[in-house]
Protein backbone atom coordinates (compact mmCIF):
# COMPACT_ATOMS: atom_id res chain seq x y z
CA UNK A 1 104.27 130.46 82.42
CA UNK A 2 107.51 131.64 84.02
CA UNK A 3 110.65 131.97 81.92
CA UNK A 4 113.10 129.07 82.16
CA UNK A 5 116.70 130.02 82.91
CA UNK A 6 119.39 127.34 82.62
CA UNK A 7 122.59 127.82 84.63
CA UNK A 8 125.79 126.12 83.48
CA UNK A 9 127.48 124.37 86.45
CA UNK A 10 131.10 125.39 85.86
CA UNK A 11 132.14 123.88 89.19
CA UNK A 12 133.60 127.26 90.16
CA UNK A 13 130.55 129.29 91.11
CA UNK A 14 128.01 129.82 93.85
CA UNK A 15 125.12 128.68 91.71
CA UNK A 16 122.71 128.84 94.67
CA UNK A 17 122.83 132.66 94.74
CA UNK A 18 122.29 132.86 90.97
CA UNK A 19 119.33 130.47 91.09
CA UNK A 20 117.83 132.38 94.03
CA UNK A 21 118.16 135.73 92.23
CA UNK A 22 116.16 134.49 89.25
CA UNK A 23 113.53 132.87 91.46
CA UNK A 24 113.01 136.26 93.11
CA UNK A 25 112.29 137.67 89.65
CA UNK A 26 109.64 135.01 89.02
CA UNK A 27 111.72 132.91 86.63
CA UNK A 28 112.15 129.14 86.70
CA UNK A 29 115.91 128.53 86.98
CA UNK A 30 117.65 125.15 86.93
CA UNK A 31 121.11 123.69 86.39
CA UNK A 32 122.09 122.41 82.95
CA UNK A 33 122.17 118.63 82.59
CA UNK A 34 124.05 116.25 80.28
CA UNK A 35 121.07 115.93 77.92
CA UNK A 36 120.68 119.69 77.39
CA UNK A 37 121.58 121.18 74.02
CA UNK A 38 122.95 124.54 75.14
CA UNK A 39 122.51 125.95 71.64
CA UNK A 40 118.73 125.64 71.87
CA UNK A 41 118.09 126.90 75.41
CA UNK A 42 116.22 130.20 75.52
CA UNK A 43 118.00 131.86 78.49
CA UNK A 44 121.43 130.64 79.58
CA UNK A 45 123.70 131.79 82.43
CA UNK A 46 127.44 131.09 82.55
CA UNK A 47 128.59 131.92 86.11
CA UNK A 48 132.00 131.54 87.70
CA UNK A 49 134.09 132.32 90.76
CA UNK A 50 137.66 131.09 90.97
CA UNK A 51 140.25 130.08 88.40
CA UNK A 52 140.06 130.18 84.60
CA UNK A 53 141.51 126.74 83.83
CA UNK A 54 139.27 124.59 86.10
CA UNK A 55 136.15 126.28 84.72
CA UNK A 56 137.19 125.61 81.12
CA UNK A 57 138.10 122.03 82.04
CA UNK A 58 134.56 121.54 83.35
CA UNK A 59 133.08 122.99 80.17
CA UNK A 60 135.21 120.74 77.98
CA UNK A 61 134.51 117.69 80.16
CA UNK A 62 130.80 118.12 79.32
CA UNK A 63 131.54 118.92 75.63
CA UNK A 64 129.80 122.29 76.01
CA UNK A 65 132.42 124.47 74.28
CA UNK A 66 131.05 124.33 70.72
CA UNK A 67 127.45 124.84 71.83
CA UNK A 68 128.37 127.88 73.92
CA UNK A 69 130.38 129.42 71.08
CA UNK A 70 127.53 128.84 68.62
CA UNK A 71 124.83 130.43 70.78
CA UNK A 72 126.98 133.45 71.65
CA UNK A 73 127.98 133.98 68.02
CA UNK A 74 124.26 133.90 67.17
CA UNK A 75 123.51 136.47 69.89
CA UNK A 76 121.15 134.21 71.81
CA UNK A 77 120.37 135.45 75.35
CA UNK A 78 123.41 134.49 77.41
CA UNK A 79 124.54 136.02 80.71
CA UNK A 80 128.17 135.52 81.76
CA UNK A 81 128.98 136.50 85.36
CA UNK A 82 132.42 137.31 86.86
CA UNK A 83 134.77 134.50 85.80
CA UNK A 84 132.06 133.57 83.31
CA UNK A 85 132.80 136.82 81.45
CA UNK A 86 136.50 135.89 81.35
CA UNK A 87 135.60 132.53 79.80
CA UNK A 88 134.17 134.37 76.79
CA UNK A 89 137.67 135.61 76.00
CA UNK A 90 140.48 133.89 74.12
CA UNK A 91 143.00 133.81 76.98
CA UNK A 92 143.62 134.82 80.59
CA UNK A 93 146.90 135.67 82.27
CA UNK A 94 145.68 133.57 85.18
CA UNK A 95 146.19 130.34 83.19
CA UNK A 96 147.85 131.34 79.90
CA UNK A 97 148.12 127.75 78.70
CA UNK A 98 144.32 127.36 78.67
CA UNK A 99 142.13 128.48 75.77
CA UNK A 100 138.89 130.25 76.57
CA UNK A 101 135.80 130.21 74.38
CA UNK A 102 137.33 132.91 72.19
CA UNK A 103 134.08 134.66 71.22
CA UNK A 104 135.71 137.83 72.58
CA UNK A 105 139.18 137.96 70.96
CA UNK A 106 140.94 139.45 73.95
CA UNK A 107 143.16 138.42 76.87
CA UNK A 108 142.08 138.96 80.48
CA UNK A 109 144.89 140.58 82.47
CA UNK A 110 145.77 140.87 86.15
CA UNK A 111 145.44 144.23 87.88
CA UNK A 112 148.75 146.14 87.90
CA UNK A 113 151.30 145.67 90.67
CA UNK A 114 150.48 147.89 93.62
CA UNK A 115 146.71 147.71 93.11
CA UNK A 116 144.74 146.01 95.88
CA UNK A 117 143.58 142.56 94.76
CA UNK A 118 141.13 141.11 94.79
CA UNK A 119 138.91 144.09 94.19
CA UNK A 120 136.29 143.23 96.78
CA UNK A 121 133.20 145.31 97.39
CA UNK A 122 131.07 147.94 95.68
CA UNK A 123 132.21 150.04 92.75
CA UNK A 124 130.60 152.26 90.14
CA UNK A 125 129.56 150.99 86.71
CA UNK A 126 129.46 153.56 83.90
CA UNK A 127 128.00 152.22 80.63
CA UNK A 128 128.59 153.69 77.22
CA UNK A 129 125.72 155.63 75.62
CA UNK A 130 124.70 152.83 73.24
CA UNK A 131 124.40 150.03 75.80
CA UNK A 132 121.13 148.15 75.66
CA UNK A 133 120.93 146.46 79.07
CA UNK A 134 123.39 148.39 81.21
CA UNK A 135 122.53 151.48 83.24
CA UNK A 136 124.76 153.57 85.53
CA UNK A 137 124.93 152.29 89.09
CA UNK A 138 126.88 150.50 91.78
CA UNK A 139 127.66 146.80 91.69
CA UNK A 140 129.40 144.23 93.88
CA UNK A 141 132.80 143.00 92.64
CA UNK A 142 135.18 140.20 93.62
CA UNK A 143 137.96 139.99 91.02
CA UNK A 144 141.73 139.98 90.57
CA UNK A 145 141.70 140.03 86.76
CA UNK A 146 140.12 142.43 84.30
CA UNK A 147 139.29 143.05 80.66
CA UNK A 148 141.12 146.11 79.30
CA UNK A 149 139.56 146.29 75.84
CA UNK A 150 136.65 144.99 73.79
CA UNK A 151 136.58 144.24 70.05
CA UNK A 152 134.46 145.95 67.43
CA UNK A 153 130.81 145.03 67.65
CA UNK A 154 130.72 144.88 71.45
CA UNK A 155 129.53 147.68 73.71
CA UNK A 156 130.69 148.05 77.29
CA UNK A 157 130.64 149.68 80.69
CA UNK A 158 133.71 150.91 82.54
CA UNK A 159 134.78 150.86 86.18
CA UNK A 160 137.89 152.32 87.80
CA UNK A 161 140.20 150.26 90.02
CA UNK A 162 143.89 150.82 89.39
CA UNK A 163 142.78 152.49 86.17
CA UNK A 164 139.76 152.08 83.93
CA UNK A 165 138.67 148.61 82.77
CA UNK A 166 135.59 147.06 81.18
CA UNK A 167 133.30 145.84 83.93
CA UNK A 168 130.59 144.69 81.51
CA UNK A 169 130.17 143.97 77.82
CA UNK A 170 127.15 143.29 75.65
CA UNK A 171 126.21 142.38 72.09
CA UNK A 172 122.72 141.43 70.93
CA UNK A 173 121.30 139.20 73.70
CA UNK A 174 124.70 138.45 75.25
CA UNK A 175 125.66 140.24 78.47
CA UNK A 176 128.93 139.75 80.32
CA UNK A 177 129.33 141.19 83.82
CA UNK A 178 132.60 141.32 85.74
CA UNK A 179 130.55 142.16 88.82
CA UNK A 180 127.89 139.99 90.46
CA UNK A 181 124.43 141.29 89.51
CA UNK A 182 122.85 138.66 91.75
CA UNK A 183 124.59 140.31 94.73
CA UNK A 184 124.12 143.93 93.63
CA UNK A 185 120.83 144.82 95.29
CA UNK A 186 117.97 146.48 93.43
CA UNK A 187 120.24 147.78 90.67
CA UNK A 188 121.50 144.27 89.94
CA UNK A 189 118.00 142.79 90.08
CA UNK A 190 116.77 145.35 87.54
CA UNK A 191 119.68 144.48 85.24
CA UNK A 192 118.85 140.77 85.48
CA UNK A 193 115.20 141.56 84.78
CA UNK A 194 116.04 143.55 81.63
CA UNK A 195 118.20 140.70 80.37
CA UNK A 196 115.54 138.14 81.32
CA UNK A 197 112.89 140.04 79.37
CA UNK A 198 115.38 140.82 76.57
CA UNK A 199 114.38 144.49 76.79
CA UNK A 200 116.51 147.60 76.57
CA UNK A 201 117.09 150.20 79.21
CA UNK A 202 114.79 153.21 79.47
CA UNK A 203 115.58 156.24 77.31
């Protein structure tokens, strides 16, 4: 039986490309519905493209905040993509009046003045030595905001654009990607497959 993957419809993402990527890997993806208990789902994806506040408004409108926080705190397999990774954080300079999920106690910041935004296209991802899912490679980005630091207990990968920033973070079964793995060719597909199977990278 193929693995079920449930994708949270944040209202700010191209969910079709995420669903298609998991179908190519032989999974059975679908969108989350009002009757789903997000705490209990085996594999969950939190995607996003666009603004911080509207995505959090959609999450709160469906009363999904507490369930998302619970499953991430428990380390259950959760993949947060692009804006989805920002939503894990406490705040974003994009909409400073809006609270994020806060499971990563950090603020997402805009790239410095003078740096080309959005960062659009391919860039290198360089994971730390203890990362479980992440391997070195090239990924596709589309972002104007970034995560400059990660708290204790999280591992990460770095990318350079106007200086170094964290382009991915992971802890237990939780993986946050600033880039779009579903648009990052074979390298991205392999990353999704490792997360899907909950297996580590090769030694």
